[in-house]
C-alpha atoms as a PDB file:
ATOM      1  CA  MET A   1      -5.975  13.632 -21.789  1.00  0.00           C
ATOM      2  CA  VAL A   2      -7.642  11.717 -18.715  1.00  0.00           C
ATOM      3  CA  ALA A   3      -3.607  11.484 -17.467  1.00  0.00           C
ATOM      4  CA  ASN A   4      -3.587  14.886 -17.230  1.00  0.00           C
ATOM      5  CA  TRP A   5      -6.746  15.816 -15.702  1.00  0.00           C
ATOM      6  CA  LEU A   6      -5.807  13.134 -13.016  1.00  0.00           C
ATOM      7  CA  ARG A   7      -2.352  14.390 -12.528  1.00  0.00           C
ATOM      8  CA  GLN A   8      -3.198  18.137 -12.848  1.00  0.00           C
ATOM      9  CA  ASN A   9      -6.758  19.360 -12.141  1.00  0.00           C
ATOM     10  CA  LYS A  10      -8.048  20.960  -8.704  1.00  0.00           C
ATOM     11  CA  ILE A  11     -11.371  19.474  -9.169  1.00  0.00           C
ATOM     12  CA  ALA A  12      -9.822  15.768  -9.722  1.00  0.00           C
ATOM     13  CA  SER A  13      -7.481  17.016  -6.750  1.00  0.00           C
ATOM     14  CA  GLY A  14     -11.054  16.837  -4.767  1.00  0.00           C
ATOM     15  CA  LEU A  15     -12.427  13.888  -6.202  1.00  0.00           C
ATOM     16  CA  LEU A  16      -9.094  12.017  -5.612  1.00  0.00           C
ATOM     17  CA  THR A  17      -9.214  13.206  -1.860  1.00  0.00           C
ATOM     18  CA  VAL A  18     -12.673  11.625  -1.356  1.00  0.00           C
ATOM     19  CA  LEU A  19     -11.031   8.292  -2.700  1.00  0.00           C
ATOM     20  CA  ARG A  20      -7.932   8.354  -0.618  1.00  0.00           C
ATOM     21  CA  LEU A  21     -10.092   9.225   2.383  1.00  0.00           C
ATOM     22  CA  TYR A  22     -12.362   6.211   1.523  1.00  0.00           C
ATOM     23  CA  ILE A  23      -9.462   3.605   1.076  1.00  0.00           C
ATOM     24  CA  GLY A  24      -7.283   5.115   4.019  1.00  0.00           C
ATOM     25  CA  TYR A  25     -10.205   4.575   6.394  1.00  0.00           C
ATOM     26  CA  ALA A  26     -10.436   0.550   5.425  1.00  0.00           C
ATOM     27  CA  TRP A  27      -6.775   0.487   5.830  1.00  0.00           C
ATOM     28  CA  LEU A  28      -6.493   2.450   8.923  1.00  0.00           C
ATOM     29  CA  THR A  29      -9.470   0.411  10.744  1.00  0.00           C
ATOM     30  CA  ALA A  30      -7.978  -2.837   9.635  1.00  0.00           C
ATOM     31  CA  GLY A  31      -5.097  -2.027  10.656  1.00  0.00           C
ATOM     32  CA  TRP A  32      -6.050  -0.750  14.119  1.00  0.00           C
ATOM     33  CA  HIS A  33      -8.472  -3.817  14.789  1.00  0.00           C
ATOM     34  CA  LYS A  34      -5.323  -5.833  14.673  1.00  0.00           C
ATOM     35  CA  LEU A  35      -3.127  -3.457  16.908  1.00  0.00           C
ATOM     36  CA  SER A  36      -5.893  -2.717  19.581  1.00  0.00           C
ATOM     37  CA  SER A  37      -7.113  -6.632  19.787  1.00  0.00           C
ATOM     38  CA  GLY A  38      -3.403  -7.636  20.531  1.00  0.00           C
ATOM     39  CA  GLY A  39      -4.197 -11.092  19.497  1.00  0.00           C
ATOM     40  CA  PHE A  40      -3.423 -10.759  15.791  1.00  0.00           C
ATOM     41  CA  ASP A  41      -1.382 -13.887  14.567  1.00  0.00           C
ATOM     42  CA  ALA A  42      -1.278 -14.664  10.697  1.00  0.00           C
ATOM     43  CA  ALA A  43       0.116 -18.171  11.147  1.00  0.00           C
ATOM     44  CA  GLY A  44      -3.962 -19.516  10.494  1.00  0.00           C
ATOM     45  CA  PHE A  45      -4.292 -17.475   7.343  1.00  0.00           C
ATOM     46  CA  LEU A  46      -0.626 -18.622   6.020  1.00  0.00           C
ATOM     47  CA  LYS A  47      -1.526 -22.154   6.943  1.00  0.00           C
ATOM     48  CA  GLY A  48      -4.814 -21.659   5.065  1.00  0.00           C
ATOM     49  CA  ALA A  49      -2.863 -20.321   1.965  1.00  0.00           C
ATOM     50  CA  ILE A  50      -0.434 -22.689   1.752  1.00  0.00           C
ATOM     51  CA  ALA A  51      -3.091 -26.143   2.140  1.00  0.00           C
ATOM     52  CA  ASN A  52      -5.343 -24.134  -0.363  1.00  0.00           C
ATOM     53  CA  PRO A  53      -3.588 -22.228  -3.125  1.00  0.00           C
ATOM     54  CA  VAL A  54      -4.794 -20.120  -6.093  1.00  0.00           C
ATOM     55  CA  LYS A  55      -5.517 -22.798  -8.788  1.00  0.00           C
ATOM     56  CA  GLY A  56      -6.628 -22.085 -12.406  1.00  0.00           C
ATOM     57  CA  PRO A  57      -9.204 -23.762 -14.492  1.00  0.00           C
ATOM     58  CA  ASP A  58      -7.224 -26.687 -15.171  1.00  0.00           C
ATOM     59  CA  GLY A  59      -6.493 -26.937 -11.486  1.00  0.00           C
ATOM     60  CA  ALA A  60      -2.718 -26.275 -11.516  1.00  0.00           C
ATOM     61  CA  VAL A  61      -1.301 -24.284  -8.940  1.00  0.00           C
ATOM     62  CA  GLN A  62      -1.055 -20.539 -10.150  1.00  0.00           C
ATOM     63  CA  PHE A  63       1.397 -18.706  -7.835  1.00  0.00           C
ATOM     64  CA  GLY A  64       3.510 -21.996  -6.830  1.00  0.00           C
ATOM     65  CA  TRP A  65       6.324 -19.494  -6.075  1.00  0.00           C
ATOM     66  CA  TYR A  66       4.579 -17.362  -3.588  1.00  0.00           C
ATOM     67  CA  VAL A  67       3.188 -20.566  -1.791  1.00  0.00           C
ATOM     68  CA  ASP A  68       6.735 -21.579  -1.375  1.00  0.00           C
ATOM     69  CA  PHE A  69       7.658 -17.763   0.152  1.00  0.00           C
ATOM     70  CA  LEU A  70       4.836 -18.387   2.402  1.00  0.00           C
ATOM     71  CA  LYS A  71       5.401 -21.907   3.304  1.00  0.00           C
ATOM     72  CA  HIS A  72       9.458 -21.335   3.767  1.00  0.00           C
ATOM     73  CA  PHE A  73       9.915 -17.633   4.865  1.00  0.00           C
ATOM     74  CA  ALA A  74       6.827 -15.934   5.772  1.00  0.00           C
ATOM     75  CA  LEU A  75       5.370 -19.212   8.264  1.00  0.00           C
ATOM     76  CA  PRO A  76       8.715 -19.852   9.874  1.00  0.00           C
ATOM     77  CA  ASN A  77       8.996 -16.079  10.566  1.00  0.00           C
ATOM     78  CA  VAL A  78       5.336 -15.393  11.622  1.00  0.00           C
ATOM     79  CA  ASP A  79       6.196 -13.256  14.666  1.00  0.00           C
ATOM     80  CA  ILE A  80       7.549 -10.811  11.948  1.00  0.00           C
ATOM     81  CA  PHE A  81       4.672 -10.859  10.414  1.00  0.00           C
ATOM     82  CA  ASN A  82       2.289 -10.661  13.020  1.00  0.00           C
ATOM     83  CA  THR A  83       3.964  -7.042  13.632  1.00  0.00           C
ATOM     84  CA  ILE A  84       4.660  -5.799  10.229  1.00  0.00           C
ATOM     85  CA  VAL A  85       1.005  -6.189   8.754  1.00  0.00           C
ATOM     86  CA  PRO A  86      -0.819  -4.526  11.383  1.00  0.00           C
ATOM     87  CA  ILE A  87       1.504  -1.773  11.596  1.00  0.00           C
ATOM     88  CA  GLY A  88       1.878  -1.667   7.808  1.00  0.00           C
ATOM     89  CA  GLU A  89      -1.906  -1.113   7.667  1.00  0.00           C
ATOM     90  CA  PHE A  90      -2.255   1.409   9.950  1.00  0.00           C
ATOM     91  CA  LEU A  91       0.513   3.555   8.280  1.00  0.00           C
ATOM     92  CA  VAL A  92      -0.687   3.203   5.153  1.00  0.00           C
ATOM     93  CA  GLY A  93      -4.323   4.209   6.228  1.00  0.00           C
ATOM     94  CA  LEU A  94      -2.594   6.989   7.997  1.00  0.00           C
ATOM     95  CA  GLY A  95      -0.616   8.154   5.237  1.00  0.00           C
ATOM     96  CA  LEU A  96      -3.937   8.200   2.948  1.00  0.00           C
ATOM     97  CA  ILE A  97      -6.043   9.634   5.697  1.00  0.00           C
ATOM     98  CA  LEU A  98      -3.262  12.641   6.198  1.00  0.00           C
ATOM     99  CA  GLY A  99      -2.184  12.610   2.489  1.00  0.00           C
ATOM    100  CA  CYS A 100       1.209  12.203   3.558  1.00  0.00           C
ATOM    101  CA  LEU A 101       3.498  10.452   1.194  1.00  0.00           C
ATOM    102  CA  THR A 102       0.313   9.623  -0.529  1.00  0.00           C
ATOM    103  CA  THR A 103       2.247   7.849  -3.186  1.00  0.00           C
ATOM    104  CA  ALA A 104       4.244   5.806  -0.983  1.00  0.00           C
ATOM    105  CA  ALA A 105       1.324   4.829   1.040  1.00  0.00           C
ATOM    106  CA  MET A 106      -0.701   3.630  -1.702  1.00  0.00           C
ATOM    107  CA  PHE A 107       2.100   1.596  -3.325  1.00  0.00           C
ATOM    108  CA  PHE A 108       2.683  -0.423  -0.281  1.00  0.00           C
ATOM    109  CA  GLY A 109      -0.882  -0.648  -0.244  1.00  0.00           C
ATOM    110  CA  LEU A 110      -1.065  -1.989  -3.129  1.00  0.00           C
ATOM    111  CA  VAL A 111       1.709  -4.614  -2.637  1.00  0.00           C
ATOM    112  CA  MET A 112      -0.466  -5.777   0.233  1.00  0.00           C
ATOM    113  CA  ASN A 113      -3.368  -5.929  -2.000  1.00  0.00           C
ATOM    114  CA  PHE A 114      -1.719  -8.166  -4.465  1.00  0.00           C
ATOM    115  CA  ALA A 115      -0.378 -10.312  -1.524  1.00  0.00           C
ATOM    116  CA  TYR A 116      -3.796 -11.376  -0.363  1.00  0.00           C
ATOM    117  CA  LEU A 117      -4.620 -11.878  -3.791  1.00  0.00           C
ATOM    118  CA  PHE A 118      -1.661 -14.198  -4.316  1.00  0.00           C
ATOM    119  CA  ALA A 119      -2.603 -15.978  -1.258  1.00  0.00           C
ATOM    120  CA  GLY A 120      -6.276 -16.141  -2.760  1.00  0.00           C
ATOM    121  CA  THR A 121      -7.907 -13.727  -0.614  1.00  0.00           C
ATOM    122  CA  ILE A 122     -10.884 -12.147  -3.072  1.00  0.00           C
ATOM    123  CA  SER A 123     -12.605  -9.981  -0.119  1.00  0.00           C
ATOM    124  CA  SER A 124     -12.585  -6.080  -1.310  1.00  0.00           C
ATOM    125  CA  ASN A 125      -8.859  -6.446  -2.793  1.00  0.00           C
ATOM    126  CA  PRO A 126     -10.055  -5.902  -6.418  1.00  0.00           C
ATOM    127  CA  MET A 127     -11.750  -2.556  -5.569  1.00  0.00           C
ATOM    128  CA  ASP A 128      -9.020  -1.367  -3.394  1.00  0.00           C
ATOM    129  CA  ILE A 129      -6.610  -1.969  -6.021  1.00  0.00           C
ATOM    130  CA  LEU A 130      -8.433   0.055  -8.831  1.00  0.00           C
ATOM    131  CA  ILE A 131      -8.943   2.798  -6.290  1.00  0.00           C
ATOM    132  CA  GLY A 132      -5.112   2.580  -5.424  1.00  0.00           C
ATOM    133  CA  VAL A 133      -4.199   2.454  -8.954  1.00  0.00           C
ATOM    134  CA  ILE A 134      -5.994   5.625  -9.984  1.00  0.00           C
ATOM    135  CA  ILE A 135      -4.755   7.522  -6.658  1.00  0.00           C
ATOM    136  CA  LEU A 136      -0.896   5.969  -7.610  1.00  0.00           C
ATOM    137  CA  PHE A 137      -1.056   7.270 -10.950  1.00  0.00           C
ATOM    138  CA  ALA A 138      -2.595  10.615 -10.083  1.00  0.00           C
ATOM    139  CA  GLY A 139       0.554  11.248  -8.149  1.00  0.00           C
ATOM    140  CA  PHE A 140       0.984  14.176  -6.472  1.00  0.00           C
ATOM    141  CA  ASN A 141      -2.393  15.372  -7.156  1.00  0.00           C
ATOM    142  CA  ALA A 142      -3.814  12.885  -4.905  1.00  0.00           C
ATOM    143  CA  GLY A 143      -1.991  14.204  -2.023  1.00  0.00           C
ATOM    144  CA  ARG A 144      -2.309  17.867  -2.621  1.00  0.00           C
ATOM    145  CA  ILE A 145      -5.389  18.416  -0.407  1.00  0.00           C
ATOM    146  CA  GLY A 146      -3.154  17.169   2.310  1.00  0.00           C
ATOM    147  CA  LEU A 147       0.163  17.139   4.084  1.00  0.00           C
ATOM    148  CA  ASP A 148       1.911  16.449   0.927  1.00  0.00           C
ATOM    149  CA  ASN A 149       1.311  20.080  -0.494  1.00  0.00           C
ATOM    150  CA  TRP A 150       4.059  20.859   1.996  1.00  0.00           C
ATOM    151  CA  VAL A 151       6.048  17.773   3.055  1.00  0.00           C
ATOM    152  CA  ILE A 152       6.865  17.002  -0.847  1.00  0.00           C
ATOM    153  CA  PRO A 153       8.344  20.525  -1.833  1.00  0.00           C
ATOM    154  CA  PHE A 154      10.339  20.212   1.597  1.00  0.00           C
ATOM    155  CA  ILE A 155      11.789  16.884   0.309  1.00  0.00           C
ATOM    156  CA  ARG A 156      12.379  17.893  -3.224  1.00  0.00           C
ATOM    157  CA  LYS A 157      14.144  20.801  -1.896  1.00  0.00           C
ATOM    158  CA  THR A 158      16.267  19.196   0.627  1.00  0.00           C
ATOM    159  CA  VAL A 159      17.052  16.377  -1.601  1.00  0.00           C
ATOM    160  CA  GLY A 160      17.907  18.857  -4.425  1.00  0.00           C
ATOM    161  CA  VAL A 161      20.325  20.857  -2.157  1.00  0.00           C
ATOM    162  CA  LYS A 162      22.075  17.676  -0.767  1.00  0.00           C
ATOM    163  CA  GLY A 163      22.451  16.568  -4.349  1.00  0.00           C
ATOM    164  CA  LYS A 164      24.275  19.826  -5.506  1.00  0.00           C
ATOM    165  CA  GLU A 165      26.528  20.048  -2.694  1.00  0.00           C
ATOM    166  CA  THR A 166      27.315  16.501  -2.910  1.00  0.00           C
ATOM    167  CA  ILE A 167      28.393  17.399  -6.873  1.00  0.00           C
ATOM    168  CA  LYS A 168      30.428  20.358  -5.676  1.00  0.00           C
ATOM    169  CA  GLN A 169      32.304  18.924  -2.987  1.00  0.00           C
ATOM    170  CA  SER A 170      33.408  15.804  -5.556  1.00  0.00           C
ATOM    171  CA  ALA A 171      34.537  17.757  -8.199  1.00  0.00           C
END
């Protein structure tokens, strides 16, 4: 019942738009500040996450695999992360504000939220994840009041046509 309401109701679409704009603004401004300052460097954050990993009540490291990823991949390639983090945050925010490819934008926003949690940063991430899951679960209805109203039907039509042509040619 709630699932159908979130995915199909016009009132839900309006409420989802408010949530989408709120979380989109947070992502957009976070990315913009990093991009416009020109001095974003993730190295300190990565070193801190490696030195102080998330530990459970017994003191054992909870996400050892993630600490290994940060130590052996992210930190040696910090220049790549210095580029993709601010651009990714900005694009997630832009997609959510415009309602363009909303579910894809929210999916990648959630991936970043979980990356921050795995690194031990709480901040606003739990609230962002809650809102993000609602938006992701609502699917197309979350972007109905936005560019998705035109973009998604165009993509479906384009992909559908190409798929049928490919099947006919191979037969």
